[in-house]
Structures are given as structure tokens and as C-alpha cells.
Amino acid sequence: MKEIAIDQTREGDILARDIKNNNGAAILFTGTVLSASMISRLKKMGIQFASIKDQSPEGDPETIARQLALLEQRFNGTESNPYMQELKTIVTDHIKKAG
């Protein structure tokens, strides 16, 4: 998570914390994917900073390869356990889809 100036936010950034107005009411919630119009409205409202989730580059083959190699290490020795193999398959699919 990083806190950055609203001017530095980009369309597609994901909020790591709620953004609240001067009265303390949440106007955007954690997990919201920012759009250009949202960023523009936040600027007009005088919101100066936002906490943004750190994101690894999407589709980065090196990152995906590292994640899959780490997954192999973590599941090493579980080949005879069908539940662990099913879990490994689910996580592998998730990593590949996220990339």
C-alpha cells in the first residue's frame, strides 16, 4: 500500500483504504477501482491523497514464473494428497488468470 497525491493516481488504481469527506463519511470504499471521472471528482472535492494498493505488473512473465516456481516448492511432497493437489491446481489457475 502506498499513499499518493490524487494528481498521481491513475485510472485502474485500486483503493487500499476508504476515502472520506470532511464529515468523515466514506465516499469511496476500499477495493474501488478508480476511473478517470472518479479521480476528477476527487480533485474537485479537494481530496489531496489516496491510499493505493501496490500491484505487480499484469501479465509480467517473470513475476508469473516466480510465483509458479514458489508454488511448486510449497507443494513439493504433497503429490499423494488429492486435496493438496486440487488446491495447487486452483492456485495455479488463479496465478495464470491474474497474469
N, C-alpha and C. Protein backbone atom coordinates (compact mmCIF):
# COMPACT_ATOMS: atom_id res chain seq x y z
N MET A 1 0.85 -1.17 0.00
CA MET A 1 0.00 0.00 0.00
C MET A 1 0.90 1.23 0.00
N LYS A 2 0.46 2.23 -0.77
CA LYS A 2 1.20 3.48 -0.79
C LYS A 2 0.21 4.63 -0.81
N GLU A 3 0.56 5.70 -0.11
CA GLU A 3 -0.28 6.89 -0.13
C GLU A 3 0.32 7.85 -1.14
N ILE A 4 -0.51 8.27 -2.09
CA ILE A 4 -0.02 9.16 -3.13
C ILE A 4 -0.99 10.33 -3.31
N ALA A 5 -0.49 11.38 -3.93
CA ALA A 5 -1.32 12.54 -4.24
C ALA A 5 -2.36 12.15 -5.28
N ILE A 6 -3.53 12.73 -5.17
CA ILE A 6 -4.60 12.44 -6.13
C ILE A 6 -4.12 12.71 -7.55
N ASP A 7 -3.30 13.73 -7.73
CA ASP A 7 -2.76 14.03 -9.06
C ASP A 7 -1.93 12.90 -9.64
N GLN A 8 -1.42 12.01 -8.79
CA GLN A 8 -0.59 10.91 -9.25
C GLN A 8 -1.37 9.61 -9.44
N THR A 9 -2.64 9.61 -9.04
CA THR A 9 -3.44 8.39 -9.22
C THR A 9 -3.74 8.21 -10.70
N ARG A 10 -3.99 6.96 -11.07
CA ARG A 10 -4.29 6.64 -12.46
C ARG A 10 -5.55 5.80 -12.53
N GLU A 11 -6.19 5.89 -13.65
CA GLU A 11 -7.34 5.04 -13.90
C GLU A 11 -6.89 3.59 -13.74
N GLY A 12 -7.66 2.81 -12.98
CA GLY A 12 -7.31 1.42 -12.74
C GLY A 12 -6.64 1.18 -11.39
N ASP A 13 -6.16 2.26 -10.74
CA ASP A 13 -5.61 2.08 -9.39
C ASP A 13 -6.71 1.59 -8.46
N ILE A 14 -6.33 0.80 -7.45
CA ILE A 14 -7.29 0.23 -6.52
C ILE A 14 -7.06 0.82 -5.13
N LEU A 15 -8.14 1.30 -4.52
CA LEU A 15 -8.02 1.93 -3.20
C LEU A 15 -7.69 0.90 -2.13
N ALA A 16 -6.72 1.22 -1.30
CA ALA A 16 -6.34 0.37 -0.19
C ALA A 16 -7.06 0.78 1.10
N ARG A 17 -7.63 1.98 1.10
CA ARG A 17 -8.41 2.48 2.24
C ARG A 17 -9.57 3.31 1.71
N ASP A 18 -10.62 3.40 2.53
CA ASP A 18 -11.75 4.27 2.17
C ASP A 18 -11.26 5.71 2.02
N ILE A 19 -11.90 6.45 1.13
CA ILE A 19 -11.69 7.89 1.05
C ILE A 19 -12.92 8.53 1.69
N LYS A 20 -12.66 9.43 2.62
CA LYS A 20 -13.76 10.06 3.37
C LYS A 20 -13.82 11.55 3.09
N ASN A 21 -15.04 12.09 3.20
CA ASN A 21 -15.19 13.53 3.02
C ASN A 21 -14.84 14.25 4.32
N ASN A 22 -15.02 15.57 4.34
CA ASN A 22 -14.66 16.36 5.53
C ASN A 22 -15.49 16.00 6.76
N ASN A 23 -16.65 15.41 6.55
CA ASN A 23 -17.51 15.00 7.67
C ASN A 23 -17.19 13.59 8.16
N GLY A 24 -16.25 12.92 7.51
CA GLY A 24 -15.87 11.58 7.92
C GLY A 24 -16.68 10.47 7.26
N ALA A 25 -17.57 10.83 6.36
CA ALA A 25 -18.37 9.82 5.66
C ALA A 25 -17.57 9.27 4.48
N ALA A 26 -17.58 7.95 4.33
CA ALA A 26 -16.87 7.33 3.22
C ALA A 26 -17.56 7.69 1.91
N ILE A 27 -16.75 8.14 0.94
CA ILE A 27 -17.31 8.45 -0.37
C ILE A 27 -16.84 7.44 -1.43
N LEU A 28 -15.71 6.80 -1.17
CA LEU A 28 -15.26 5.67 -1.97
C LEU A 28 -14.68 4.64 -1.01
N PHE A 29 -14.92 3.37 -1.30
CA PHE A 29 -14.56 2.32 -0.36
C PHE A 29 -13.32 1.55 -0.79
N THR A 30 -12.67 0.93 0.19
CA THR A 30 -11.54 0.05 -0.05
C THR A 30 -11.90 -0.95 -1.14
N GLY A 31 -11.00 -1.12 -2.09
CA GLY A 31 -11.22 -2.06 -3.18
C GLY A 31 -11.81 -1.43 -4.43
N THR A 32 -12.22 -0.16 -4.34
CA THR A 32 -12.76 0.53 -5.51
C THR A 32 -11.67 0.70 -6.55
N VAL A 33 -12.00 0.39 -7.80
CA VAL A 33 -11.10 0.63 -8.92
C VAL A 33 -11.39 2.03 -9.44
N LEU A 34 -10.38 2.89 -9.40
CA LEU A 34 -10.59 4.28 -9.78
C LEU A 34 -10.78 4.44 -11.28
N SER A 35 -11.74 5.28 -11.63
CA SER A 35 -11.94 5.65 -13.04
C SER A 35 -11.47 7.10 -13.19
N ALA A 36 -11.33 7.54 -14.43
CA ALA A 36 -10.91 8.91 -14.69
C ALA A 36 -11.91 9.91 -14.10
N SER A 37 -13.21 9.60 -14.22
CA SER A 37 -14.22 10.52 -13.69
C SER A 37 -14.18 10.58 -12.16
N MET A 38 -13.90 9.45 -11.51
CA MET A 38 -13.78 9.45 -10.04
C MET A 38 -12.61 10.33 -9.61
N ILE A 39 -11.49 10.18 -10.29
CA ILE A 39 -10.30 10.96 -9.95
C ILE A 39 -10.60 12.45 -10.13
N SER A 40 -11.26 12.79 -11.19
CA SER A 40 -11.62 14.19 -11.45
C SER A 40 -12.52 14.73 -10.34
N ARG A 41 -13.52 13.94 -9.94
CA ARG A 41 -14.43 14.37 -8.87
C ARG A 41 -13.69 14.53 -7.54
N LEU A 42 -12.77 13.61 -7.25
CA LEU A 42 -12.00 13.72 -6.01
C LEU A 42 -11.19 15.02 -5.98
N LYS A 43 -10.59 15.36 -7.11
CA LYS A 43 -9.83 16.61 -7.20
C LYS A 43 -10.74 17.80 -6.93
N LYS A 44 -11.93 17.80 -7.55
CA LYS A 44 -12.89 18.91 -7.37
C LYS A 44 -13.36 19.02 -5.94
N MET A 45 -13.40 17.89 -5.22
CA MET A 45 -13.84 17.88 -3.83
C MET A 45 -12.73 18.31 -2.88
N GLY A 46 -11.52 18.48 -3.40
CA GLY A 46 -10.41 18.91 -2.57
C GLY A 46 -9.69 17.76 -1.86
N ILE A 47 -9.98 16.52 -2.25
CA ILE A 47 -9.29 15.37 -1.69
C ILE A 47 -7.86 15.41 -2.23
N GLN A 48 -6.88 15.33 -1.35
CA GLN A 48 -5.49 15.50 -1.78
C GLN A 48 -4.71 14.20 -1.90
N PHE A 49 -5.07 13.18 -1.10
CA PHE A 49 -4.29 11.94 -1.10
C PHE A 49 -5.21 10.73 -1.12
N ALA A 50 -4.66 9.61 -1.59
CA ALA A 50 -5.38 8.34 -1.59
C ALA A 50 -4.38 7.23 -1.30
N SER A 51 -4.83 6.21 -0.59
CA SER A 51 -4.01 5.02 -0.35
C SER A 51 -4.34 4.02 -1.45
N ILE A 52 -3.31 3.63 -2.19
CA ILE A 52 -3.47 2.76 -3.36
C ILE A 52 -2.79 1.43 -3.09
N LYS A 53 -3.44 0.34 -3.50
CA LYS A 53 -2.83 -0.99 -3.36
C LYS A 53 -1.66 -1.11 -4.31
N ASP A 54 -0.57 -1.69 -3.82
CA ASP A 54 0.56 -1.99 -4.69
C ASP A 54 0.14 -3.13 -5.60
N GLN A 55 0.41 -2.98 -6.86
CA GLN A 55 0.04 -4.01 -7.83
C GLN A 55 1.27 -4.39 -8.63
N SER A 56 1.45 -5.69 -8.80
CA SER A 56 2.53 -6.12 -9.68
C SER A 56 2.07 -5.92 -11.11
N PRO A 57 3.00 -5.72 -12.02
CA PRO A 57 2.60 -5.51 -13.41
C PRO A 57 1.81 -6.71 -13.93
N GLU A 58 0.65 -6.43 -14.52
CA GLU A 58 -0.18 -7.51 -15.04
C GLU A 58 0.50 -8.16 -16.22
N GLY A 59 0.46 -9.46 -16.24
CA GLY A 59 0.99 -10.19 -17.38
C GLY A 59 2.51 -10.26 -17.43
N ASP A 60 3.18 -9.82 -16.37
CA ASP A 60 4.63 -9.86 -16.36
C ASP A 60 5.08 -11.32 -16.29
N PRO A 61 5.67 -11.85 -17.35
CA PRO A 61 6.04 -13.28 -17.38
C PRO A 61 7.03 -13.67 -16.28
N GLU A 62 7.93 -12.77 -15.93
CA GLU A 62 8.91 -13.09 -14.87
C GLU A 62 8.21 -13.24 -13.52
N THR A 63 7.27 -12.36 -13.23
CA THR A 63 6.54 -12.44 -11.96
C THR A 63 5.72 -13.72 -11.90
N ILE A 64 5.05 -14.04 -13.00
CA ILE A 64 4.24 -15.27 -13.04
C ILE A 64 5.13 -16.49 -12.87
N ALA A 65 6.28 -16.52 -13.53
CA ALA A 65 7.20 -17.65 -13.41
C ALA A 65 7.70 -17.81 -11.98
N ARG A 66 8.01 -16.69 -11.31
CA ARG A 66 8.47 -16.76 -9.90
C ARG A 66 7.37 -17.30 -9.01
N GLN A 67 6.14 -16.83 -9.23
CA GLN A 67 5.03 -17.28 -8.41
C GLN A 67 4.77 -18.78 -8.60
N LEU A 68 4.84 -19.23 -9.84
CA LEU A 68 4.62 -20.65 -10.11
C LEU A 68 5.74 -21.52 -9.54
N ALA A 69 6.99 -21.04 -9.60
CA ALA A 69 8.12 -21.78 -9.03
C ALA A 69 7.97 -21.88 -7.51
N LEU A 70 7.57 -20.79 -6.88
CA LEU A 70 7.35 -20.80 -5.43
C LEU A 70 6.22 -21.76 -5.06
N LEU A 71 5.18 -21.77 -5.88
CA LEU A 71 4.07 -22.68 -5.65
C LEU A 71 4.53 -24.14 -5.71
N GLU A 72 5.36 -24.46 -6.70
CA GLU A 72 5.91 -25.82 -6.81
C GLU A 72 6.69 -26.21 -5.55
N GLN A 73 7.48 -25.28 -5.05
CA GLN A 73 8.26 -25.56 -3.83
C GLN A 73 7.34 -25.81 -2.65
N ARG A 74 6.32 -24.99 -2.52
CA ARG A 74 5.43 -25.11 -1.37
C ARG A 74 4.63 -26.40 -1.38
N PHE A 75 4.32 -26.91 -2.56
CA PHE A 75 3.52 -28.13 -2.66
C PHE A 75 4.37 -29.38 -2.90
N ASN A 76 5.68 -29.22 -2.85
CA ASN A 76 6.58 -30.36 -3.00
C ASN A 76 6.32 -31.37 -1.88
N GLY A 77 6.17 -32.63 -2.26
CA GLY A 77 5.93 -33.68 -1.27
C GLY A 77 4.46 -33.94 -0.99
N THR A 78 3.57 -33.24 -1.70
CA THR A 78 2.14 -33.44 -1.46
C THR A 78 1.47 -34.19 -2.60
N GLU A 79 2.25 -34.79 -3.48
CA GLU A 79 1.72 -35.44 -4.68
C GLU A 79 0.70 -36.54 -4.37
N SER A 80 0.83 -37.20 -3.23
CA SER A 80 -0.09 -38.29 -2.89
C SER A 80 -1.36 -37.81 -2.18
N ASN A 81 -1.47 -36.52 -1.93
CA ASN A 81 -2.63 -35.97 -1.24
C ASN A 81 -3.54 -35.28 -2.26
N PRO A 82 -4.68 -35.90 -2.59
CA PRO A 82 -5.55 -35.32 -3.62
C PRO A 82 -6.10 -33.94 -3.26
N TYR A 83 -6.31 -33.68 -1.99
CA TYR A 83 -6.81 -32.38 -1.58
C TYR A 83 -5.78 -31.29 -1.82
N MET A 84 -4.54 -31.59 -1.50
CA MET A 84 -3.47 -30.62 -1.72
C MET A 84 -3.24 -30.40 -3.21
N GLN A 85 -3.37 -31.43 -4.00
CA GLN A 85 -3.20 -31.29 -5.45
C GLN A 85 -4.33 -30.45 -6.05
N GLU A 86 -5.53 -30.63 -5.54
CA GLU A 86 -6.65 -29.80 -6.01
C GLU A 86 -6.42 -28.34 -5.64
N LEU A 87 -5.95 -28.09 -4.43
CA LEU A 87 -5.63 -26.74 -4.00
C LEU A 87 -4.54 -26.13 -4.87
N LYS A 88 -3.52 -26.92 -5.17
CA LYS A 88 -2.44 -26.46 -6.02
C LYS A 88 -2.97 -26.07 -7.41
N THR A 89 -3.87 -26.87 -7.95
CA THR A 89 -4.46 -26.58 -9.26
C THR A 89 -5.24 -25.28 -9.23
N ILE A 90 -6.00 -25.07 -8.18
CA ILE A 90 -6.79 -23.84 -8.04
C ILE A 90 -5.88 -22.62 -7.99
N VAL A 91 -4.83 -22.70 -7.18
CA VAL A 91 -3.91 -21.57 -7.04
C VAL A 91 -3.16 -21.34 -8.35
N THR A 92 -2.74 -22.41 -9.01
CA THR A 92 -2.05 -22.28 -10.30
C THR A 92 -2.94 -21.57 -11.31
N ASP A 93 -4.20 -21.98 -11.39
CA ASP A 93 -5.14 -21.34 -12.32
C ASP A 93 -5.32 -19.86 -11.98
N HIS A 94 -5.39 -19.55 -10.70
CA HIS A 94 -5.54 -18.15 -10.28
C HIS A 94 -4.34 -17.31 -10.71
N ILE A 95 -3.15 -17.83 -10.50
CA ILE A 95 -1.94 -17.10 -10.89
C ILE A 95 -1.92 -16.86 -12.40
N LYS A 96 -2.25 -17.86 -13.16
CA LYS A 96 -2.22 -17.73 -14.61
C LYS A 96 -3.29 -16.77 -15.13
N LYS A 97 -4.47 -16.79 -14.52
CA LYS A 97 -5.54 -15.87 -14.94
C LYS A 97 -5.23 -14.43 -14.55
N ALA A 98 -4.60 -14.24 -13.38
CA ALA A 98 -4.27 -12.90 -12.92
C ALA A 98 -3.22 -12.25 -13.82
N GLY A 99 -2.40 -13.08 -14.46
CA GLY A 99 -1.35 -12.55 -15.34
C GLY A 99 -1.89 -12.25 -16.67
